[in-house]
Amino acid sequence: MARQVSYFYQGTKKTIAFSFSQHFDIYEAVAAAEGVDLTSFWAMEKQLEMTSRGQGIMKNYRANEFDRMGFSEIRFIKDEEQEK
């Protein structure tokens, strides 16, 4: 069964199909679906990765940046939810 991702973009709830063969993670998938360029985001993320020790910094950066871009509540839809 194909995976689906649910998210809000600028106040509108959206659902897209997701495949790991096409995207690295769900953040990349939702950005691609909305046509958001992640070039500067990836550059900063790489710098943070080289200088930080913990995963908490990376998760906070990603969450804050995607909030700033207009995304919220990005998550996989569980199988039980898809059947409804």
N, C-alpha and C. Protein backbone atom coordinates (compact mmCIF):
# COMPACT_ATOMS: atom_id res chain seq x y z
N MET A 1 0.83 -1.18 0.00
CA MET A 1 0.00 0.00 0.00
C MET A 1 0.88 1.25 0.00
N ALA A 2 0.55 2.22 -0.82
CA ALA A 2 1.32 3.45 -0.92
C ALA A 2 1.17 4.29 0.34
N ARG A 3 2.22 4.98 0.68
CA ARG A 3 2.17 5.86 1.84
C ARG A 3 1.60 7.20 1.42
N GLN A 4 0.98 7.86 2.37
CA GLN A 4 0.47 9.20 2.12
C GLN A 4 0.94 10.12 3.23
N VAL A 5 1.12 11.38 2.87
CA VAL A 5 1.55 12.40 3.81
C VAL A 5 0.48 13.47 3.87
N SER A 6 0.15 13.86 5.08
CA SER A 6 -0.82 14.93 5.30
C SER A 6 -0.07 16.13 5.87
N TYR A 7 -0.46 17.34 5.43
CA TYR A 7 0.19 18.55 5.94
C TYR A 7 -0.71 19.75 5.68
N PHE A 8 -0.42 20.82 6.37
CA PHE A 8 -1.07 22.10 6.12
C PHE A 8 -0.04 23.01 5.47
N TYR A 9 -0.44 23.66 4.39
CA TYR A 9 0.42 24.65 3.74
C TYR A 9 -0.35 25.95 3.63
N GLN A 10 0.13 26.95 4.32
CA GLN A 10 -0.51 28.27 4.38
C GLN A 10 -1.99 28.14 4.73
N GLY A 11 -2.28 27.30 5.73
CA GLY A 11 -3.64 27.17 6.25
C GLY A 11 -4.54 26.19 5.51
N THR A 12 -4.07 25.58 4.43
CA THR A 12 -4.87 24.64 3.66
C THR A 12 -4.35 23.23 3.89
N LYS A 13 -5.25 22.30 4.26
CA LYS A 13 -4.85 20.92 4.48
C LYS A 13 -4.71 20.21 3.14
N LYS A 14 -3.60 19.48 2.99
CA LYS A 14 -3.34 18.77 1.74
C LYS A 14 -2.83 17.36 2.04
N THR A 15 -3.01 16.47 1.09
CA THR A 15 -2.53 15.10 1.20
C THR A 15 -1.86 14.73 -0.11
N ILE A 16 -0.68 14.12 -0.01
CA ILE A 16 0.06 13.70 -1.20
C ILE A 16 0.52 12.25 -1.04
N ALA A 17 0.79 11.59 -2.16
CA ALA A 17 1.39 10.26 -2.15
C ALA A 17 2.88 10.42 -1.87
N PHE A 18 3.45 9.45 -1.19
CA PHE A 18 4.86 9.52 -0.82
C PHE A 18 5.56 8.21 -1.15
N SER A 19 6.78 8.32 -1.68
CA SER A 19 7.60 7.15 -1.96
C SER A 19 9.06 7.50 -1.64
N PHE A 20 9.73 6.60 -0.90
CA PHE A 20 11.14 6.82 -0.58
C PHE A 20 12.01 6.74 -1.83
N SER A 21 11.54 6.15 -2.90
CA SER A 21 12.32 6.10 -4.14
C SER A 21 12.37 7.47 -4.82
N GLN A 22 11.42 8.34 -4.50
CA GLN A 22 11.38 9.66 -5.11
C GLN A 22 11.91 10.77 -4.20
N HIS A 23 11.73 10.61 -2.89
CA HIS A 23 12.11 11.66 -1.95
C HIS A 23 12.85 11.06 -0.76
N PHE A 24 13.77 11.86 -0.21
CA PHE A 24 14.57 11.44 0.93
C PHE A 24 13.73 11.35 2.20
N ASP A 25 12.85 12.32 2.39
CA ASP A 25 11.98 12.32 3.57
C ASP A 25 10.69 13.09 3.26
N ILE A 26 9.79 13.14 4.24
CA ILE A 26 8.49 13.76 3.99
C ILE A 26 8.61 15.27 3.83
N TYR A 27 9.62 15.88 4.44
CA TYR A 27 9.81 17.33 4.29
C TYR A 27 10.17 17.68 2.86
N GLU A 28 11.05 16.91 2.27
CA GLU A 28 11.43 17.13 0.87
C GLU A 28 10.22 16.92 -0.04
N ALA A 29 9.39 15.93 0.28
CA ALA A 29 8.23 15.62 -0.55
C ALA A 29 7.21 16.76 -0.53
N VAL A 30 6.91 17.31 0.65
CA VAL A 30 5.92 18.38 0.72
C VAL A 30 6.45 19.66 0.08
N ALA A 31 7.74 19.92 0.22
CA ALA A 31 8.33 21.10 -0.43
C ALA A 31 8.26 20.95 -1.95
N ALA A 32 8.55 19.77 -2.47
CA ALA A 32 8.47 19.54 -3.91
C ALA A 32 7.04 19.68 -4.41
N ALA A 33 6.08 19.19 -3.62
CA ALA A 33 4.67 19.29 -4.02
C ALA A 33 4.21 20.73 -4.12
N GLU A 34 4.79 21.60 -3.31
CA GLU A 34 4.39 23.01 -3.32
C GLU A 34 5.34 23.89 -4.13
N GLY A 35 6.37 23.30 -4.71
CA GLY A 35 7.30 24.06 -5.55
C GLY A 35 8.25 24.95 -4.77
N VAL A 36 8.56 24.58 -3.53
CA VAL A 36 9.46 25.36 -2.69
C VAL A 36 10.90 24.91 -2.94
N ASP A 37 11.79 25.87 -3.22
CA ASP A 37 13.20 25.58 -3.45
C ASP A 37 13.91 25.41 -2.11
N LEU A 38 14.55 24.28 -1.90
CA LEU A 38 15.21 23.98 -0.63
C LEU A 38 16.73 24.14 -0.69
N THR A 39 17.27 24.76 -1.71
CA THR A 39 18.71 24.87 -1.87
C THR A 39 19.38 25.55 -0.68
N SER A 40 18.89 26.71 -0.27
CA SER A 40 19.50 27.42 0.87
C SER A 40 19.25 26.68 2.18
N PHE A 41 18.09 26.03 2.29
CA PHE A 41 17.77 25.24 3.48
C PHE A 41 18.78 24.11 3.64
N TRP A 42 19.07 23.38 2.55
CA TRP A 42 20.02 22.27 2.61
C TRP A 42 21.43 22.75 2.94
N ALA A 43 21.81 23.91 2.41
CA ALA A 43 23.15 24.45 2.69
C ALA A 43 23.29 24.75 4.18
N MET A 44 22.29 25.40 4.76
CA MET A 44 22.34 25.71 6.19
C MET A 44 22.27 24.44 7.03
N GLU A 45 21.45 23.49 6.62
CA GLU A 45 21.34 22.23 7.34
C GLU A 45 22.69 21.49 7.35
N LYS A 46 23.40 21.54 6.24
CA LYS A 46 24.70 20.89 6.16
C LYS A 46 25.70 21.56 7.10
N GLN A 47 25.66 22.89 7.17
CA GLN A 47 26.55 23.61 8.08
C GLN A 47 26.23 23.28 9.54
N LEU A 48 24.96 23.23 9.87
CA LEU A 48 24.56 22.87 11.23
C LEU A 48 24.99 21.45 11.57
N GLU A 49 24.85 20.56 10.62
CA GLU A 49 25.23 19.16 10.83
C GLU A 49 26.72 19.04 11.14
N MET A 50 27.54 19.84 10.49
CA MET A 50 28.98 19.78 10.70
C MET A 50 29.40 20.39 12.04
N THR A 51 28.62 21.34 12.54
CA THR A 51 29.02 22.04 13.76
C THR A 51 28.28 21.59 15.02
N SER A 52 27.15 20.91 14.88
CA SER A 52 26.37 20.53 16.06
C SER A 52 26.66 19.09 16.45
N ARG A 53 26.40 18.79 17.71
CA ARG A 53 26.66 17.44 18.21
C ARG A 53 25.39 16.61 18.34
N GLY A 54 24.27 17.24 18.61
CA GLY A 54 23.05 16.48 18.87
C GLY A 54 22.02 16.59 17.76
N GLN A 55 21.13 15.62 17.72
CA GLN A 55 20.05 15.62 16.72
C GLN A 55 18.99 16.66 17.06
N GLY A 56 18.89 17.07 18.30
CA GLY A 56 17.88 18.03 18.69
C GLY A 56 17.99 19.35 17.94
N ILE A 57 19.19 19.79 17.70
CA ILE A 57 19.41 21.03 16.97
C ILE A 57 18.89 20.91 15.55
N MET A 58 19.16 19.78 14.92
CA MET A 58 18.72 19.57 13.54
C MET A 58 17.19 19.51 13.46
N LYS A 59 16.56 18.80 14.39
CA LYS A 59 15.11 18.70 14.39
C LYS A 59 14.47 20.06 14.62
N ASN A 60 15.02 20.84 15.55
CA ASN A 60 14.48 22.18 15.82
C ASN A 60 14.64 23.09 14.62
N TYR A 61 15.79 23.04 13.98
CA TYR A 61 16.03 23.87 12.80
C TYR A 61 15.03 23.53 11.70
N ARG A 62 14.88 22.23 11.43
CA ARG A 62 13.97 21.79 10.38
C ARG A 62 12.53 22.22 10.69
N ALA A 63 12.08 22.00 11.91
CA ALA A 63 10.72 22.37 12.29
C ALA A 63 10.50 23.88 12.18
N ASN A 64 11.45 24.66 12.65
CA ASN A 64 11.32 26.12 12.59
C ASN A 64 11.33 26.65 11.16
N GLU A 65 12.20 26.11 10.34
CA GLU A 65 12.28 26.57 8.95
C GLU A 65 11.02 26.21 8.16
N PHE A 66 10.50 25.02 8.36
CA PHE A 66 9.30 24.63 7.62
C PHE A 66 8.08 25.41 8.13
N ASP A 67 8.06 25.76 9.42
CA ASP A 67 7.01 26.65 9.92
C ASP A 67 7.12 28.01 9.24
N ARG A 68 8.34 28.52 9.12
CA ARG A 68 8.57 29.81 8.48
C ARG A 68 8.15 29.79 7.01
N MET A 69 8.33 28.65 6.34
CA MET A 69 7.93 28.51 4.93
C MET A 69 6.42 28.37 4.76
N GLY A 70 5.69 28.15 5.85
CA GLY A 70 4.24 28.04 5.76
C GLY A 70 3.69 26.65 5.95
N PHE A 71 4.54 25.68 6.29
CA PHE A 71 4.11 24.29 6.49
C PHE A 71 3.84 24.04 7.98
N SER A 72 2.89 23.15 8.24
CA SER A 72 2.66 22.71 9.61
C SER A 72 2.01 21.33 9.60
N GLU A 73 2.10 20.65 10.73
CA GLU A 73 1.48 19.34 10.93
C GLU A 73 1.83 18.35 9.81
N ILE A 74 3.09 18.26 9.47
CA ILE A 74 3.56 17.32 8.44
C ILE A 74 3.67 15.94 9.09
N ARG A 75 2.96 14.96 8.53
CA ARG A 75 2.99 13.61 9.12
C ARG A 75 2.51 12.58 8.12
N PHE A 76 2.93 11.33 8.38
CA PHE A 76 2.42 10.21 7.61
C PHE A 76 0.99 9.93 8.05
N ILE A 77 0.15 9.50 7.11
CA ILE A 77 -1.20 9.07 7.43
C ILE A 77 -1.15 7.59 7.74
N LYS A 78 -1.69 7.20 8.88
CA LYS A 78 -1.71 5.80 9.28
C LYS A 78 -2.71 5.03 8.42
N ASP A 79 -2.50 3.73 8.30
CA ASP A 79 -3.38 2.88 7.49
C ASP A 79 -4.84 2.97 7.93
N GLU A 80 -5.06 3.06 9.24
CA GLU A 80 -6.44 3.14 9.75
C GLU A 80 -7.13 4.42 9.27
N GLU A 81 -6.38 5.49 9.14
CA GLU A 81 -6.94 6.77 8.70
C GLU A 81 -7.28 6.74 7.21
N GLN A 82 -6.50 6.02 6.41
CA GLN A 82 -6.71 5.97 4.96
C GLN A 82 -8.01 5.25 4.61
N GLU A 83 -8.42 4.31 5.42
CA GLU A 83 -9.61 3.51 5.12
C GLU A 83 -10.89 4.30 5.35
N LYS A 84 -10.83 5.38 6.09
CA LYS A 84 -12.04 6.17 6.40
C LYS A 84 -12.46 7.01 5.23
